[in-house]
Amino acid sequence: MPRFRFKLQPVLDQREREERDKQMIVASFERERLALESRIRMCQQMMDDERTTLSAALATGQRVDLKAVKMQAGAALTYNFQAQRSVLELAGVFRKLKLAREELAGAAARRKAVELLRDQQQAEFKRAQDMKESHELDEMSVMRFQRNDGIRL
């Protein structure tokens, strides 16, 4: 029995590779997004820690070392600057991620189109094989009937 052979299999393979490449790009942007979000959370946590430390020092009523306060304020400003810079980078990553997801969706649609064509051709091949087999069985039945009918005469 002949086997189905999809003539456009190299095209389908190429479309699958293209989709995989697009998935890798999306994954790299997702990793970058997660790293930036983590950095922003870390900066916010550090700013909160500096604020808490400063509040605790002021609340004790003891003599406050202005040099230490100045250093803590500088550290808080540095963390604030880093967080703002990370937010801007994150906005850029979101734009790139959106475009990459759109390209991935397009690649998936192109792959699915070729798969649909393959499935249609495979179904047509199976129908043709079934019809051929049915025709051969009919032919054998007719031949058997004629042979049996010839014996009865």
Protein backbone atom coordinates (compact mmCIF):
# COMPACT_ATOMS: atom_id res chain seq x y z
CA MET A 1 0.00 0.00 0.00
CA PRO A 2 1.47 3.37 -0.97
CA ARG A 3 2.29 5.85 1.75
CA PHE A 4 1.32 9.50 1.85
CA ARG A 5 4.18 11.82 1.02
CA PHE A 6 3.67 15.56 1.55
CA LYS A 7 5.47 17.39 -1.23
CA LEU A 8 5.71 20.61 0.77
CA GLN A 9 7.33 19.00 3.83
CA PRO A 10 10.51 21.10 3.44
CA VAL A 11 8.32 24.23 3.51
CA LEU A 12 6.57 23.00 6.66
CA ASP A 13 9.94 22.22 8.27
CA GLN A 14 11.16 25.72 7.42
CA ARG A 15 7.99 27.27 8.87
CA GLU A 16 8.43 25.26 12.08
CA ARG A 17 12.07 26.43 12.37
CA GLU A 18 10.94 30.02 11.78
CA GLU A 19 8.31 29.71 14.51
CA ARG A 20 10.86 28.17 16.90
CA ASP A 21 13.25 31.07 16.21
CA LYS A 22 10.46 33.57 16.94
CA GLN A 23 9.68 31.71 20.17
CA MET A 24 13.32 32.03 21.21
CA ILE A 25 13.22 35.78 20.57
CA VAL A 26 10.04 36.15 22.63
CA ALA A 27 11.61 34.08 25.42
CA SER A 28 14.71 36.29 25.48
CA PHE A 29 12.56 39.42 25.79
CA GLU A 30 10.55 37.73 28.54
CA ARG A 31 13.77 36.96 30.43
CA GLU A 32 14.88 40.57 30.00
CA ARG A 33 11.48 41.79 31.22
CA LEU A 34 11.64 39.58 34.31
CA ALA A 35 15.19 40.73 35.10
CA LEU A 36 14.18 44.39 34.84
CA GLU A 37 11.10 43.87 36.99
CA SER A 38 13.26 42.13 39.56
CA ARG A 39 15.75 45.00 39.50
CA ILE A 40 12.94 47.52 39.99
CA ARG A 41 11.55 45.55 42.95
CA MET A 42 15.06 45.34 44.45
CA CYS A 43 15.54 49.12 44.12
CA GLN A 44 12.16 49.77 45.71
CA GLN A 45 13.02 47.40 48.55
CA MET A 46 16.37 49.10 49.08
CA MET A 47 14.72 52.56 49.10
CA ASP A 48 12.21 51.31 51.68
CA ASP A 49 15.05 49.89 53.77
CA GLU A 50 16.95 53.20 53.66
CA ARG A 51 13.80 55.11 54.61
CA THR A 52 13.10 52.71 57.49
CA THR A 53 16.68 52.99 58.74
CA LEU A 54 16.52 56.78 58.60
CA SER A 55 13.14 56.85 60.36
CA ALA A 56 14.43 54.55 63.08
CA ALA A 57 17.49 56.73 63.62
CA LEU A 58 15.35 59.87 63.88
CA ALA A 59 12.77 58.23 66.12
CA THR A 60 15.27 57.21 68.80
CA GLY A 61 15.76 60.79 69.83
CA GLN A 62 19.48 60.32 69.98
CA ARG A 63 21.96 62.55 68.33
CA VAL A 64 21.76 62.10 64.57
CA ASP A 65 24.91 61.79 62.51
CA LEU A 66 24.25 64.12 59.59
CA LYS A 67 26.96 62.47 57.54
CA ALA A 68 25.17 59.11 57.84
CA VAL A 69 21.84 60.77 56.97
CA LYS A 70 23.42 62.34 53.90
CA MET A 71 24.85 58.98 52.83
CA GLN A 72 21.48 57.26 53.28
CA ALA A 73 19.73 59.98 51.29
CA GLY A 74 22.33 59.63 48.55
CA ALA A 75 21.85 55.87 48.50
CA ALA A 76 18.07 56.30 48.29
CA LEU A 77 18.48 58.72 45.38
CA THR A 78 20.80 56.30 43.62
CA TYR A 79 18.26 53.48 44.00
CA ASN A 80 15.52 55.82 42.80
CA PHE A 81 17.57 56.73 39.72
CA GLN A 82 18.29 53.06 38.99
CA ALA A 83 14.60 52.20 39.34
CA GLN A 84 13.57 55.01 36.98
CA ARG A 85 16.16 53.95 34.42
CA SER A 86 14.96 50.36 34.70
CA VAL A 87 11.36 51.47 34.19
CA LEU A 88 12.36 53.23 30.96
CA GLU A 89 14.25 50.14 29.80
CA LEU A 90 11.23 48.03 30.71
CA ALA A 91 8.99 50.20 28.54
CA GLY A 92 11.32 49.56 25.60
CA VAL A 93 11.34 45.83 26.30
CA PHE A 94 7.53 45.82 26.40
CA ARG A 95 7.42 47.41 22.94
CA LYS A 96 9.92 44.88 21.58
CA LEU A 97 8.04 42.04 23.27
CA LYS A 98 4.76 43.13 21.72
CA LEU A 99 6.31 43.19 18.24
CA ALA A 100 8.00 39.84 18.80
CA ARG A 101 4.71 38.29 19.91
CA GLU A 102 3.00 39.63 16.80
CA GLU A 103 5.74 38.14 14.62
CA LEU A 104 5.41 34.85 16.49
CA ALA A 105 1.66 34.83 15.88
CA GLY A 106 2.27 35.44 12.17
CA ALA A 107 4.83 32.63 12.00
CA ALA A 108 2.42 30.28 13.79
CA ALA A 109 -0.35 31.21 11.35
CA ARG A 110 1.92 30.52 8.37
CA ARG A 111 2.90 27.15 9.83
CA LYS A 112 -0.72 26.24 10.55
CA ALA A 113 -1.69 27.12 6.98
CA VAL A 114 0.84 24.62 5.60
CA GLU A 115 -0.25 22.03 8.18
CA LEU A 116 -3.87 22.52 7.11
CA LEU A 117 -2.86 21.99 3.49
CA ARG A 118 -0.98 18.84 4.49
CA ASP A 119 -3.97 17.53 6.43
CA GLN A 120 -6.29 18.22 3.49
CA GLN A 121 -3.95 16.44 1.08
CA GLN A 122 -3.57 13.53 3.47
CA ALA A 123 -7.35 13.21 3.82
CA GLU A 124 -7.74 13.31 0.03
CA PHE A 125 -5.03 10.66 -0.35
CA LYS A 126 -6.80 8.45 2.20
CA ARG A 127 -10.14 8.94 0.41
CA ALA A 128 -8.54 8.00 -2.90
CA GLN A 129 -6.92 4.93 -1.32
CA ASP A 130 -10.23 3.90 0.25
CA MET A 131 -12.05 4.34 -3.05
CA LYS A 132 -9.40 2.34 -4.88
CA GLU A 133 -9.59 -0.42 -2.28
CA SER A 134 -13.38 -0.40 -2.44
CA HIS A 135 -13.26 -0.59 -6.22
CA GLU A 136 -10.84 -3.52 -6.07
CA LEU A 137 -13.06 -5.33 -3.55
CA ASP A 138 -16.07 -4.74 -5.79
CA GLU A 139 -14.15 -6.09 -8.74
CA MET A 140 -13.12 -9.20 -6.79
CA SER A 141 -16.72 -9.73 -5.67
CA VAL A 142 -17.95 -9.48 -9.25
CA MET A 143 -15.28 -11.91 -10.40
CA ARG A 144 -16.15 -14.36 -7.60
CA PHE A 145 -19.84 -14.09 -8.38
CA GLN A 146 -19.17 -14.75 -12.07
CA ARG A 147 -17.02 -17.74 -11.19
CA ASN A 148 -19.62 -19.11 -8.78
CA ASP A 149 -22.41 -18.34 -11.22
CA GLY A 150 -20.53 -20.19 -13.92
CA ILE A 151 -20.26 -23.28 -11.74
CA ARG A 152 -23.99 -23.41 -11.06
CA LEU A 153 -24.91 -23.46 -14.72
